[in-house]
């Protein structure tokens, strides 16, 4: 057994500083768990000025370098921890670390969702570990449960709220009745959203995460580009109100299902029944709901982001890798994407829909719109007239489950009607 297991830390930002803090704070306890000292031998940052600008941790400057490759090539370092984020140079650093025979712990969902096959294959060939618990749920354990605790199950679906920024924005819209833009500005002011929040609000972050979860749950390679995605920018205050009146709440839902025709993997705003456990997940909290044939329904809930929650998952991975090193069992649970399964096109997806239409407030309008739905093969579950002003009205339609192709055909027919001003929004309904 080794007396010291040395760590090279790439990145000292929000997550990296949390990792540094936890490893120092829990040093004694972690040593007992691993039977070795877990020591950060070197830290790589982009610019030395970050130490002053961030002021996140007190660190000996002798440990710090701006040359990540210096750490990766160091023969005394056992584990590389990548927490710099983004595709490059993170992907290159991870790849080089594995090539040198080093174990890697990462929180990088973007790299794994796009280049996982390459990196896991390389790790397998080198007999090293590549752990990534923090890449999806932040502080919520979900990768290990799917790979170990739920492995006896055939998973039928994984769905959840996996982005704290969008959940906070939608929660504020629900509670205050404010617009998307107003809620987003508040999230940025409170530090829950980046200045450029496009990765979050456009669904890219959630798409990467559900690609990773789908790959593990269904033992098939799903990449970020396979995931259909829509952001929350079109959600209107009246959508929030009408959803509540209908017994739903709107969330940015990341969803992955398997049926006999293949995989259904997507990210978009969805109306969720108020009685569903996910409906009560508010603010910056995340939750992931899993359904298996033996265990039934289980849900994982907690803080999906933040310095210490995310660092908690990273350090847990470090401990697991360190234990593997001590007992010489590294690389035993690698990539499990050994099946080929098609990802279904959105046109073939079947779900229910909420459709908000602004139209003329006069007799015969409902009949014309209903006929357009029917001619496209869309059956209506309910029709409600909402706001009226002057000669205009807002009409809310909820459909029975139908193929997306049929709904889009109905949309084309409806916008051509002379009594319709516009279709204000279409939101999928998870019944």
Protein backbone atom coordinates (compact mmCIF):
# COMPACT_ATOMS: atom_id res chain seq x y z
CA UNK A 1 0.00 0.00 0.00
CA UNK A 2 1.09 3.56 -0.70
CA UNK A 3 1.60 5.99 2.18
CA UNK A 4 0.93 9.02 -0.03
CA UNK A 5 -1.38 9.43 -2.99
CA UNK A 6 -0.54 12.62 -4.83
CA UNK A 7 -3.11 14.74 -6.65
CA UNK A 8 -2.65 17.23 -9.46
CA UNK A 9 -5.48 19.78 -9.50
CA UNK A 10 -6.28 21.46 -12.83
CA UNK A 11 -8.34 24.54 -12.03
CA UNK A 12 -8.85 26.58 -8.89
CA UNK A 13 -12.15 28.26 -9.69
CA UNK A 14 -15.49 27.62 -8.03
CA UNK A 15 -15.25 23.82 -7.97
CA UNK A 16 -11.48 23.59 -7.74
CA UNK A 17 -11.34 25.80 -4.66
CA UNK A 18 -14.04 23.66 -3.07
CA UNK A 19 -11.99 20.53 -3.72
CA UNK A 20 -8.93 22.19 -2.18
CA UNK A 21 -10.91 23.19 0.91
CA UNK A 22 -12.50 19.79 1.48
CA UNK A 23 -9.26 17.86 1.03
CA UNK A 24 -7.60 20.05 3.64
CA UNK A 25 -10.54 20.20 6.04
CA UNK A 26 -11.16 16.44 5.95
CA UNK A 27 -7.54 15.40 5.66
CA UNK A 28 -7.45 13.20 8.76
CA UNK A 29 -10.76 11.46 8.11
CA UNK A 30 -9.92 10.82 4.46
CA UNK A 31 -6.55 9.37 5.44
CA UNK A 32 -8.30 6.81 7.63
CA UNK A 33 -10.67 5.90 4.80
CA UNK A 34 -7.92 5.47 2.21
CA UNK A 35 -5.07 4.45 4.54
CA UNK A 36 -2.87 7.04 2.87
CA UNK A 37 -2.41 10.79 2.80
CA UNK A 38 -4.32 12.47 -0.04
CA UNK A 39 -2.01 15.34 -0.88
CA UNK A 40 -2.41 18.05 -3.50
CA UNK A 41 1.08 18.22 -4.91
CA UNK A 42 0.46 20.79 -7.63
CA UNK A 43 -2.29 23.13 -8.84
CA UNK A 44 -2.61 24.54 -12.36
CA UNK A 45 -4.35 27.83 -13.08
CA UNK A 46 -4.59 29.92 -16.23
CA UNK A 47 -3.04 33.07 -14.81
CA UNK A 48 -1.24 33.72 -11.50
CA UNK A 49 -3.38 36.83 -11.03
CA UNK A 50 -6.31 34.48 -10.35
CA UNK A 51 -4.92 33.84 -6.88
CA UNK A 52 -5.43 37.49 -5.98
CA UNK A 53 -8.56 38.12 -8.02
CA UNK A 54 -10.48 35.12 -6.77
CA UNK A 55 -9.15 35.04 -3.21
CA UNK A 56 -10.92 31.69 -2.84
CA UNK A 57 -8.32 29.73 -0.90
CA UNK A 58 -5.09 30.32 0.95
CA UNK A 59 -2.49 28.36 -0.94
CA UNK A 60 1.29 28.17 -1.00
CA UNK A 61 2.34 29.76 -4.30
CA UNK A 62 5.02 27.07 -4.63
CA UNK A 63 2.22 24.61 -5.39
CA UNK A 64 0.86 26.71 -8.24
CA UNK A 65 1.81 26.64 -11.91
CA UNK A 66 0.34 27.96 -15.13
CA UNK A 67 1.63 24.92 -17.04
CA UNK A 68 -0.91 22.09 -16.76
CA UNK A 69 1.33 19.71 -18.71
CA UNK A 70 3.96 20.08 -16.01
CA UNK A 71 1.50 18.44 -13.62
CA UNK A 72 0.32 15.80 -16.10
CA UNK A 73 3.91 14.71 -16.85
CA UNK A 74 4.95 14.62 -13.17
CA UNK A 75 5.71 10.93 -12.39
CA UNK A 76 4.95 11.41 -8.69
CA UNK A 77 1.32 12.43 -9.29
CA UNK A 78 -1.22 9.58 -9.16
CA UNK A 79 -4.55 11.33 -9.83
CA UNK A 80 -5.34 14.25 -12.11
CA UNK A 81 -8.44 16.23 -11.12
CA UNK A 82 -9.82 18.31 -14.02
CA UNK A 83 -12.19 21.09 -12.96
CA UNK A 84 -11.43 23.82 -15.49
CA UNK A 85 -14.55 23.13 -17.59
CA UNK A 86 -15.21 23.66 -21.30
CA UNK A 87 -14.18 21.42 -24.19
CA UNK A 88 -10.62 22.53 -24.78
CA UNK A 89 -8.03 22.43 -23.41
CA UNK A 90 -9.81 20.20 -20.86
CA UNK A 91 -10.29 17.30 -23.29
CA UNK A 92 -6.64 17.43 -24.29
CA UNK A 93 -5.48 17.47 -20.68
CA UNK A 94 -7.65 14.49 -19.75
CA UNK A 95 -6.46 12.56 -22.78
CA UNK A 96 -2.78 13.25 -22.05
CA UNK A 97 -3.21 12.33 -18.38
CA UNK A 98 -4.72 8.96 -19.31
CA UNK A 99 -1.96 8.36 -21.89
CA UNK A 100 0.64 8.80 -19.16
CA UNK A 101 -1.13 6.18 -17.04
CA UNK A 102 -2.72 8.57 -14.58
CA UNK A 103 -6.18 8.19 -13.11
CA UNK A 104 -8.56 11.06 -13.80
CA UNK A 105 -11.44 12.60 -11.89
CA UNK A 106 -13.44 15.23 -13.78
CA UNK A 107 -16.59 17.33 -13.42
CA UNK A 108 -16.68 18.08 -17.14
CA UNK A 109 -20.07 17.12 -18.63
CA UNK A 110 -19.31 18.85 -21.94
CA UNK A 111 -16.23 16.75 -22.61
CA UNK A 112 -17.84 13.49 -21.53
CA UNK A 113 -21.08 14.10 -23.46
CA UNK A 114 -19.14 14.73 -26.67
CA UNK A 115 -15.94 12.69 -26.35
CA UNK A 116 -16.79 10.03 -23.78
CA UNK A 117 -16.34 7.09 -26.14
CA UNK A 118 -12.81 8.15 -27.02
CA UNK A 119 -11.75 8.85 -23.44
CA UNK A 120 -13.31 5.79 -21.82
CA UNK A 121 -11.81 3.59 -24.52
CA UNK A 122 -8.39 5.08 -23.86
CA UNK A 123 -8.78 4.68 -20.08
CA UNK A 124 -9.77 1.04 -20.56
CA UNK A 125 -6.71 0.38 -22.74
CA UNK A 126 -4.44 1.95 -20.11
CA UNK A 127 -6.13 0.22 -17.17
CA UNK A 128 -6.82 3.48 -15.33
CA UNK A 129 -9.91 5.02 -13.77
CA UNK A 130 -11.93 7.88 -15.25
CA UNK A 131 -14.52 9.04 -12.67
CA UNK A 132 -17.09 11.79 -13.26
CA UNK A 133 -19.75 11.90 -10.53
CA UNK A 134 -19.85 15.72 -10.41
CA UNK A 135 -20.48 16.03 -14.15
CA UNK A 136 -24.27 15.64 -13.94
CA UNK A 137 -25.83 16.28 -10.55
CA UNK A 138 -23.22 18.44 -8.86
CA UNK A 139 -23.53 17.35 -5.24
CA UNK A 140 -26.27 14.80 -6.02
CA UNK A 141 -24.91 11.25 -6.34
CA UNK A 142 -26.39 9.73 -9.51
CA UNK A 143 -23.55 8.21 -11.59
CA UNK A 144 -22.54 5.70 -8.91
CA UNK A 145 -26.16 4.69 -8.18
CA UNK A 146 -26.81 4.05 -11.88
CA UNK A 147 -23.55 2.13 -12.37
CA UNK A 148 -23.73 0.15 -9.11
CA UNK A 149 -26.79 0.51 -6.90
CA UNK A 150 -29.37 0.15 -9.68
CA UNK A 151 -27.46 -2.18 -11.99
CA UNK A 152 -29.89 -5.05 -11.28
CA UNK A 153 -32.68 -3.05 -12.92
CA UNK A 154 -33.78 -2.56 -16.48
CA UNK A 155 -34.17 1.22 -16.46
CA UNK A 156 -37.19 2.45 -18.40
CA UNK A 157 -36.73 6.17 -17.87
CA UNK A 158 -34.54 8.84 -16.32
CA UNK A 159 -35.86 12.37 -16.13
CA UNK A 160 -35.16 15.38 -14.03
CA UNK A 161 -34.37 18.98 -13.35
CA UNK A 162 -30.62 19.15 -13.91
CA UNK A 163 -29.95 22.87 -14.34
CA UNK A 164 -30.23 25.17 -11.32
CA UNK A 165 -30.18 28.42 -13.31
CA UNK A 166 -33.27 27.61 -15.39
CA UNK A 167 -35.07 26.14 -12.39
CA UNK A 168 -34.44 29.34 -10.43
CA UNK A 169 -35.71 31.49 -13.33
CA UNK A 170 -38.91 29.45 -13.75
CA UNK A 171 -39.47 29.44 -9.99
CA UNK A 172 -39.24 33.23 -9.87
CA UNK A 173 -41.64 33.52 -12.82
CA UNK A 174 -44.08 31.25 -10.96
CA UNK A 175 -43.81 33.06 -7.63
CA UNK A 176 -43.75 36.67 -8.89
CA UNK A 177 -45.51 36.47 -12.26
CA UNK A 178 -42.55 38.23 -13.85
CA UNK A 179 -41.18 37.81 -17.37
CA UNK A 180 -38.35 35.51 -18.38
CA UNK A 181 -35.99 38.48 -18.90
CA UNK A 182 -36.75 39.94 -15.46
CA UNK A 183 -36.27 36.59 -13.72
CA UNK A 184 -33.00 35.96 -15.56
CA UNK A 185 -31.62 39.36 -14.57
CA UNK A 186 -32.45 38.57 -10.94
CA UNK A 187 -30.69 35.20 -11.24
CA UNK A 188 -27.59 36.94 -12.62
CA UNK A 189 -27.71 39.56 -9.88
CA UNK A 190 -27.95 36.85 -7.20
CA UNK A 191 -25.08 34.87 -8.69
CA UNK A 192 -27.22 31.94 -9.85
CA UNK A 193 -26.62 32.67 -13.54
CA UNK A 194 -23.57 33.64 -15.55
CA UNK A 195 -23.45 36.94 -17.40
CA UNK A 196 -23.72 34.87 -20.55
CA UNK A 197 -26.36 32.35 -19.48
CA UNK A 198 -27.00 30.95 -22.96
CA UNK A 199 -25.58 27.50 -22.17
CA UNK A 200 -28.14 27.17 -19.39
CA UNK A 201 -31.27 28.87 -20.73
CA UNK A 202 -30.94 27.36 -24.22
CA UNK A 203 -30.76 23.84 -22.78
CA UNK A 204 -27.17 22.95 -23.78
CA UNK A 205 -26.04 22.24 -20.22
CA UNK A 206 -29.01 19.97 -19.54
CA UNK A 207 -28.58 18.23 -22.90
CA UNK A 208 -25.01 17.23 -22.06
CA UNK A 209 -26.11 15.89 -18.69
CA UNK A 210 -29.01 13.81 -19.98
CA UNK A 211 -26.75 12.40 -22.73
CA UNK A 212 -24.44 11.09 -20.01
CA UNK A 213 -27.32 9.70 -17.94
CA UNK A 214 -28.96 8.04 -20.95
CA UNK A 215 -25.67 6.40 -21.94
CA UNK A 216 -25.32 4.82 -18.49
CA UNK A 217 -28.99 3.97 -17.94
CA UNK A 218 -29.47 2.26 -21.31
CA UNK A 219 -25.92 0.94 -21.87
CA UNK A 220 -25.76 2.70 -25.24
CA UNK A 221 -23.72 5.64 -26.47
CA UNK A 222 -25.71 8.88 -26.52
CA UNK A 223 -23.88 12.11 -27.30
CA UNK A 224 -24.96 15.71 -26.79
CA UNK A 225 -25.72 16.11 -30.49
CA UNK A 226 -28.25 13.25 -30.26
CA UNK A 227 -30.35 15.19 -27.76
CA UNK A 228 -33.24 17.34 -28.98
CA UNK A 229 -33.28 20.58 -27.02
CA UNK A 230 -35.35 23.70 -26.49
CA UNK A 231 -34.62 26.44 -23.98
CA UNK A 232 -36.93 28.40 -21.69
CA UNK A 233 -36.69 31.80 -23.43
CA UNK A 234 -40.19 31.53 -24.94
CA UNK A 235 -42.01 30.71 -21.70
CA UNK A 236 -44.51 33.51 -20.98
CA UNK A 237 -45.92 34.65 -17.63
CA UNK A 238 -49.40 33.58 -18.78
CA UNK A 239 -48.06 30.09 -19.59
CA UNK A 240 -47.03 29.77 -15.94
CA UNK A 241 -50.46 30.96 -14.76
CA UNK A 242 -52.46 28.76 -17.12
CA UNK A 243 -50.32 25.72 -16.30
CA UNK A 244 -51.07 26.21 -12.60
CA UNK A 245 -54.80 26.51 -13.28
CA UNK A 246 -54.63 23.26 -15.26
CA UNK A 247 -52.82 21.44 -12.45
CA UNK A 248 -49.28 21.67 -13.82
CA UNK A 249 -46.00 23.45 -13.21
CA UNK A 250 -43.49 24.29 -15.97
CA UNK A 251 -39.93 22.99 -15.62
CA UNK A 252 -37.01 22.60 -17.98
CA UNK A 253 -37.15 18.82 -18.16
CA UNK A 254 -34.29 16.55 -19.21
CA UNK A 255 -35.78 13.22 -20.21
CA UNK A 256 -34.52 9.86 -21.46
CA UNK A 257 -36.78 6.87 -22.11
CA UNK A 258 -36.41 3.50 -23.78
CA UNK A 259 -39.10 1.53 -25.58
CA UNK A 260 -39.17 -1.11 -28.31
CA UNK A 261 -38.51 1.53 -30.99
CA UNK A 262 -35.38 2.99 -29.41
CA UNK A 263 -34.35 5.85 -27.15
CA UNK A 264 -36.27 9.05 -26.59
CA UNK A 265 -33.79 11.66 -25.30
CA UNK A 266 -34.70 15.35 -25.09
CA UNK A 267 -34.55 18.61 -23.13
CA UNK A 268 -37.36 21.18 -23.24
CA UNK A 269 -39.85 23.09 -21.09
CA UNK A 270 -42.55 20.69 -19.94
CA UNK A 271 -45.73 20.86 -17.92
CA UNK A 272 -45.46 18.43 -15.01
CA UNK A 273 -48.47 17.46 -12.84
CA UNK A 274 -48.40 19.28 -9.51
CA UNK A 275 -48.59 15.97 -7.64
CA UNK A 276 -45.38 14.63 -9.26
CA UNK A 277 -42.28 14.74 -6.99
CA UNK A 278 -40.37 16.82 -9.55
CA UNK A 279 -43.02 19.56 -9.44
CA UNK A 280 -41.94 20.63 -5.95
CA UNK A 281 -38.25 21.04 -6.84
CA UNK A 282 -37.76 24.81 -6.79
CA UNK A 283 -35.03 27.43 -6.89
CA UNK A 284 -31.51 26.25 -7.64
CA UNK A 285 -32.22 22.71 -6.49
CA UNK A 286 -32.00 19.76 -8.86
CA UNK A 287 -33.65 16.35 -8.82
CA UNK A 288 -33.29 13.21 -10.93
CA UNK A 289 -36.11 10.67 -11.14
CA UNK A 290 -35.31 7.08 -12.15
CA UNK A 291 -37.69 4.21 -12.87
CA UNK A 292 -36.48 0.61 -12.89
CA UNK A 293 -38.34 -2.67 -13.30
CA UNK A 294 -37.34 -3.99 -9.87
CA UNK A 295 -36.82 -0.95 -7.67
CA UNK A 296 -39.76 1.02 -9.06
CA UNK A 297 -39.46 4.80 -8.78
CA UNK A 298 -36.60 6.54 -6.96
CA UNK A 299 -35.57 10.19 -6.87
CA UNK A 300 -32.26 11.88 -6.08
CA UNK A 301 -32.56 15.45 -4.79
CA UNK A 302 -30.14 18.16 -3.71
CA UNK A 303 -27.99 21.08 -4.73
CA UNK A 304 -26.92 20.56 -8.31
CA UNK A 305 -24.18 23.17 -8.37
CA UNK A 306 -22.03 25.41 -6.20
CA UNK A 307 -18.49 25.18 -4.91
CA UNK A 308 -18.84 22.73 -2.04
CA UNK A 309 -21.71 20.55 -3.36
CA UNK A 310 -19.88 19.89 -6.63
CA UNK A 311 -16.57 19.51 -4.82
CA UNK A 312 -18.20 16.95 -2.53
CA UNK A 313 -18.81 14.69 -5.53
CA UNK A 314 -15.29 15.28 -6.88
CA UNK A 315 -13.66 14.38 -3.56
CA UNK A 316 -15.84 11.27 -3.27
CA UNK A 317 -14.48 10.18 -6.66
CA UNK A 318 -10.92 10.93 -5.52
CA UNK A 319 -11.42 8.70 -2.48
CA UNK A 320 -12.84 5.90 -4.63
CA UNK A 321 -9.94 6.10 -7.08
CA UNK A 322 -7.44 6.23 -4.20
CA UNK A 323 -8.96 3.07 -2.72
CA UNK A 324 -8.68 1.39 -6.12
CA UNK A 325 -5.02 2.35 -6.24
CA UNK A 326 -4.45 0.91 -2.77
CA UNK A 327 -6.07 -2.42 -3.64
CA UNK A 328 -4.82 -2.53 -7.25
CA UNK A 329 -8.26 -2.83 -8.80
CA UNK A 330 -8.26 0.19 -11.08
CA UNK A 331 -10.27 0.37 -14.27
CA UNK A 332 -12.68 -2.40 -13.26
CA UNK A 333 -15.88 -0.47 -13.98
CA UNK A 334 -15.27 1.44 -17.17
CA UNK A 335 -17.58 2.34 -20.02
CA UNK A 336 -20.80 0.31 -20.09
CA UNK A 337 -22.07 1.52 -23.49
CA UNK A 338 -21.86 -1.89 -25.14
CA UNK A 339 -25.21 -1.84 -27.02
CA UNK A 340 -26.26 -0.12 -30.23
CA UNK A 341 -29.65 1.57 -29.85
CA UNK A 342 -31.24 4.14 -32.15
CA UNK A 343 -32.24 7.56 -30.85
CA UNK A 344 -35.72 8.39 -32.10
CA UNK A 345 -36.45 11.48 -34.17
CA UNK A 346 -38.66 14.13 -32.58
CA UNK A 347 -41.27 13.66 -35.31
CA UNK A 348 -41.92 10.19 -33.91
CA UNK A 349 -42.16 11.21 -30.25
CA UNK A 350 -45.63 10.83 -28.73
CA UNK A 351 -46.74 13.19 -25.96
CA UNK A 352 -49.49 15.64 -25.07
CA UNK A 353 -49.27 19.36 -25.82
CA UNK A 354 -50.37 22.71 -24.46
CA UNK A 355 -50.99 25.21 -27.26
CA UNK A 356 -51.61 28.92 -26.55
CA UNK A 357 -53.22 30.80 -29.43
CA UNK A 358 -54.14 34.46 -29.86
CA UNK A 359 -57.19 34.72 -32.10
CA UNK A 360 -60.22 36.84 -32.97
CA UNK A 361 -62.88 36.98 -30.25
CA UNK A 362 -65.93 36.04 -32.30
CA UNK A 363 -68.15 33.09 -33.04
CA UNK A 364 -66.83 30.29 -35.19
CA UNK A 365 -63.19 30.69 -34.20
CA UNK A 366 -63.05 27.60 -31.96
CA UNK A 367 -64.68 25.51 -34.66
CA UNK A 368 -62.12 26.54 -37.29
CA UNK A 369 -59.15 25.92 -35.01
CA UNK A 370 -60.56 22.60 -33.76
CA UNK A 371 -61.07 21.48 -37.36
CA UNK A 372 -57.43 22.33 -38.19
CA UNK A 373 -56.29 20.17 -35.26
CA UNK A 374 -58.59 17.34 -36.33
CA UNK A 375 -57.54 17.47 -39.99
CA UNK A 376 -53.93 16.96 -38.83
CA UNK A 377 -54.91 13.96 -36.70
CA UNK A 378 -54.67 15.78 -33.36
CA UNK A 379 -57.36 15.00 -30.78
CA UNK A 380 -58.19 17.71 -28.23
CA UNK A 381 -58.52 16.97 -24.52
CA UNK A 382 -59.68 20.46 -23.50
CA UNK A 383 -60.24 24.00 -24.79
CA UNK A 384 -60.39 27.04 -22.53
CA UNK A 385 -60.85 30.70 -23.45
CA UNK A 386 -58.70 32.88 -21.23
CA UNK A 387 -57.90 36.61 -21.51
CA UNK A 388 -60.02 38.77 -23.79
CA UNK A 389 -59.44 42.39 -24.82
CA UNK A 390 -61.11 44.44 -27.53
CA UNK A 391 -61.69 41.91 -30.30
CA UNK A 392 -58.91 39.47 -29.29
CA UNK A 393 -58.80 36.39 -27.08
CA UNK A 394 -56.25 33.90 -25.77
CA UNK A 395 -57.26 30.28 -26.25
CA UNK A 396 -55.64 27.38 -24.42
CA UNK A 397 -55.74 23.94 -26.01
CA UNK A 398 -54.53 20.70 -24.44
CA UNK A 399 -54.18 17.70 -26.72
CA UNK A 400 -54.37 13.98 -26.15
CA UNK A 401 -51.06 12.14 -26.72
CA UNK A 402 -50.08 12.48 -30.36
CA UNK A 403 -47.01 12.25 -32.56
CA UNK A 404 -44.96 15.43 -32.79
CA UNK A 405 -45.26 15.24 -36.58
CA UNK A 406 -49.05 15.58 -36.36
CA UNK A 407 -48.83 18.47 -33.92
CA UNK A 408 -46.46 20.34 -36.24
CA UNK A 409 -48.81 19.72 -39.16
CA UNK A 410 -51.66 21.17 -37.10
CA UNK A 411 -49.46 24.19 -36.30
CA UNK A 412 -48.93 24.85 -40.02
CA UNK A 413 -52.68 24.70 -40.67
CA UNK A 414 -53.61 26.92 -37.71
CA UNK A 415 -51.25 29.79 -38.52
CA UNK A 416 -52.85 30.04 -41.97
CA UNK A 417 -56.35 30.63 -40.54
CA UNK A 418 -57.63 34.18 -41.01
CA UNK A 419 -59.07 34.20 -37.46
CA UNK A 420 -55.68 33.41 -35.84
CA UNK A 421 -53.18 36.16 -35.01
CA UNK A 422 -50.42 33.86 -33.76
CA UNK A 423 -49.54 30.72 -31.86
CA UNK A 424 -47.96 32.23 -28.75
CA UNK A 425 -46.46 29.01 -27.41
CA UNK A 426 -46.43 25.23 -27.59
CA UNK A 427 -45.27 23.29 -24.53
CA UNK A 428 -45.15 19.53 -24.12
CA UNK A 429 -47.18 18.01 -21.29
CA UNK A 430 -45.79 15.09 -19.25
CA UNK A 431 -48.92 13.34 -18.00
